[in-house]
Amino acid sequence: MKPSKPWMAFAAAFWPFILGCVLVAGGFAAIVIGYFGVSGTIYPGLQLPYLVSGVALGLALVIAGSALLVGHALGRQARLLRRLLAEVQYG
């Protein structure tokens, strides 16, 4: 079934890229929020929740988003290579 709207076709083709960018941006935002939480507290015992929730979650989101971006780029390169090889072979 072909999507009826152009933006739906774009979203269907680029969902890993879009989701990866959102996850990376959210991860960096969580890291910044965690940093500001830690920097505003002088007691180490009160800094630990900010480190665990902000920085650890942010790092996990950045890693997951980066994996989606790399996977999407590798998939596009593999499709291009297959198309070029088919063109050369049957050309």
C-alpha atoms as a PDB file:
ATOM      1  CA  MET A   1       0.000   0.000   0.000  1.00  0.00           C
ATOM      2  CA  LYS A   2       1.474   3.304  -1.105  1.00  0.00           C
ATOM      3  CA  PRO A   3       1.132   6.306   1.227  1.00  0.00           C
ATOM      4  CA  SER A   4      -1.117   9.012  -0.197  1.00  0.00           C
ATOM      5  CA  LYS A   5       0.770  12.013   1.132  1.00  0.00           C
ATOM      6  CA  PRO A   6       4.412  12.849   0.300  1.00  0.00           C
ATOM      7  CA  TRP A   7       5.345  13.438   3.941  1.00  0.00           C
ATOM      8  CA  MET A   8       4.066   9.965   4.829  1.00  0.00           C
ATOM      9  CA  ALA A   9       6.302   8.434   2.165  1.00  0.00           C
ATOM     10  CA  PHE A  10       9.253  10.419   3.524  1.00  0.00           C
ATOM     11  CA  ALA A  11       8.515   9.327   7.107  1.00  0.00           C
ATOM     12  CA  ALA A  12       8.159   5.692   6.009  1.00  0.00           C
ATOM     13  CA  ALA A  13      11.536   5.769   4.244  1.00  0.00           C
ATOM     14  CA  PHE A  14      13.470   7.771   6.838  1.00  0.00           C
ATOM     15  CA  TRP A  15      11.957   6.700  10.173  1.00  0.00           C
ATOM     16  CA  PRO A  16      15.265   5.323  11.559  1.00  0.00           C
ATOM     17  CA  PHE A  17      17.010   8.595  10.710  1.00  0.00           C
ATOM     18  CA  ILE A  18      14.245  10.728  12.236  1.00  0.00           C
ATOM     19  CA  LEU A  19      14.003   8.595  15.380  1.00  0.00           C
ATOM     20  CA  GLY A  20      17.799   8.509  15.701  1.00  0.00           C
ATOM     21  CA  CYS A  21      18.019  12.308  15.530  1.00  0.00           C
ATOM     22  CA  VAL A  22      15.257  12.675  18.129  1.00  0.00           C
ATOM     23  CA  LEU A  23      16.955  10.191  20.466  1.00  0.00           C
ATOM     24  CA  VAL A  24      20.360  11.872  20.133  1.00  0.00           C
ATOM     25  CA  ALA A  25      18.855  15.321  20.759  1.00  0.00           C
ATOM     26  CA  GLY A  26      16.899  14.001  23.754  1.00  0.00           C
ATOM     27  CA  GLY A  27      20.022  12.336  25.092  1.00  0.00           C
ATOM     28  CA  PHE A  28      22.032  15.537  24.903  1.00  0.00           C
ATOM     29  CA  ALA A  29      19.187  17.418  26.578  1.00  0.00           C
ATOM     30  CA  ALA A  30      19.109  14.847  29.405  1.00  0.00           C
ATOM     31  CA  ILE A  31      22.876  15.156  29.845  1.00  0.00           C
ATOM     32  CA  VAL A  32      22.659  18.956  30.049  1.00  0.00           C
ATOM     33  CA  ILE A  33      19.768  18.790  32.531  1.00  0.00           C
ATOM     34  CA  GLY A  34      21.717  16.264  34.624  1.00  0.00           C
ATOM     35  CA  TYR A  35      24.779  18.505  34.546  1.00  0.00           C
ATOM     36  CA  PHE A  36      22.823  21.517  35.746  1.00  0.00           C
ATOM     37  CA  GLY A  37      21.292  19.397  38.505  1.00  0.00           C
ATOM     38  CA  VAL A  38      24.714  18.216  39.668  1.00  0.00           C
ATOM     39  CA  SER A  39      26.292  21.658  39.437  1.00  0.00           C
ATOM     40  CA  GLY A  40      23.554  23.172  41.585  1.00  0.00           C
ATOM     41  CA  THR A  41      24.135  20.723  44.450  1.00  0.00           C
ATOM     42  CA  ILE A  42      27.221  20.741  46.670  1.00  0.00           C
ATOM     43  CA  TYR A  43      26.516  17.498  48.542  1.00  0.00           C
ATOM     44  CA  PRO A  44      27.761  14.355  46.741  1.00  0.00           C
ATOM     45  CA  GLY A  45      24.887  12.302  48.108  1.00  0.00           C
ATOM     46  CA  LEU A  46      22.393  14.597  46.402  1.00  0.00           C
ATOM     47  CA  GLN A  47      24.342  14.601  43.135  1.00  0.00           C
ATOM     48  CA  LEU A  48      24.032  10.853  42.573  1.00  0.00           C
ATOM     49  CA  PRO A  49      20.366  10.870  41.474  1.00  0.00           C
ATOM     50  CA  TYR A  50      21.145  13.515  38.856  1.00  0.00           C
ATOM     51  CA  LEU A  51      24.067  11.483  37.557  1.00  0.00           C
ATOM     52  CA  VAL A  52      22.086   8.265  37.384  1.00  0.00           C
ATOM     53  CA  SER A  53      18.898   9.659  35.901  1.00  0.00           C
ATOM     54  CA  GLY A  54      20.249  12.470  33.741  1.00  0.00           C
ATOM     55  CA  VAL A  55      23.659  11.471  32.508  1.00  0.00           C
ATOM     56  CA  ALA A  56      23.182   7.694  32.348  1.00  0.00           C
ATOM     57  CA  LEU A  57      19.818   7.994  30.600  1.00  0.00           C
ATOM     58  CA  GLY A  58      21.210  10.654  28.263  1.00  0.00           C
ATOM     59  CA  LEU A  59      24.189   8.497  27.361  1.00  0.00           C
ATOM     60  CA  ALA A  60      21.915   5.524  26.674  1.00  0.00           C
ATOM     61  CA  LEU A  61      19.719   7.656  24.415  1.00  0.00           C
ATOM     62  CA  VAL A  62      22.720   9.015  22.511  1.00  0.00           C
ATOM     63  CA  ILE A  63      24.088   5.495  21.972  1.00  0.00           C
ATOM     64  CA  ALA A  64      20.710   4.142  20.813  1.00  0.00           C
ATOM     65  CA  GLY A  65      20.152   7.104  18.485  1.00  0.00           C
ATOM     66  CA  SER A  66      23.651   6.804  17.041  1.00  0.00           C
ATOM     67  CA  ALA A  67      23.091   3.106  16.385  1.00  0.00           C
ATOM     68  CA  LEU A  68      19.903   3.926  14.460  1.00  0.00           C
ATOM     69  CA  LEU A  69      21.699   6.596  12.427  1.00  0.00           C
ATOM     70  CA  VAL A  70      24.599   4.278  11.558  1.00  0.00           C
ATOM     71  CA  GLY A  71      22.246   1.421  10.706  1.00  0.00           C
ATOM     72  CA  HIS A  72      20.207   3.662   8.432  1.00  0.00           C
ATOM     73  CA  ALA A  73      23.323   4.965   6.661  1.00  0.00           C
ATOM     74  CA  LEU A  74      24.723   1.451   6.177  1.00  0.00           C
ATOM     75  CA  GLY A  75      21.403   0.205   4.843  1.00  0.00           C
ATOM     76  CA  ARG A  76      21.231   3.015   2.303  1.00  0.00           C
ATOM     77  CA  GLN A  77      24.811   2.339   1.198  1.00  0.00           C
ATOM     78  CA  ALA A  78      24.084  -1.389   0.826  1.00  0.00           C
ATOM     79  CA  ARG A  79      20.999  -0.679  -1.327  1.00  0.00           C
ATOM     80  CA  LEU A  80      23.008   1.709  -3.498  1.00  0.00           C
ATOM     81  CA  LEU A  81      25.806  -0.826  -3.921  1.00  0.00           C
ATOM     82  CA  ARG A  82      23.334  -3.588  -4.864  1.00  0.00           C
ATOM     83  CA  ARG A  83      21.710  -1.302  -7.428  1.00  0.00           C
ATOM     84  CA  LEU A  84      25.058  -0.321  -8.921  1.00  0.00           C
ATOM     85  CA  LEU A  85      26.242  -3.924  -9.080  1.00  0.00           C
ATOM     86  CA  ALA A  86      23.008  -4.987 -10.781  1.00  0.00           C
ATOM     87  CA  GLU A  87      23.411  -2.164 -13.273  1.00  0.00           C
ATOM     88  CA  VAL A  88      26.973  -3.224 -14.086  1.00  0.00           C
ATOM     89  CA  GLN A  89      26.077  -6.901 -14.291  1.00  0.00           C
ATOM     90  CA  TYR A  90      22.982  -6.554 -16.482  1.00  0.00           C
ATOM     91  CA  GLY A  91      23.854  -3.167 -17.886  1.00  0.00           C
END
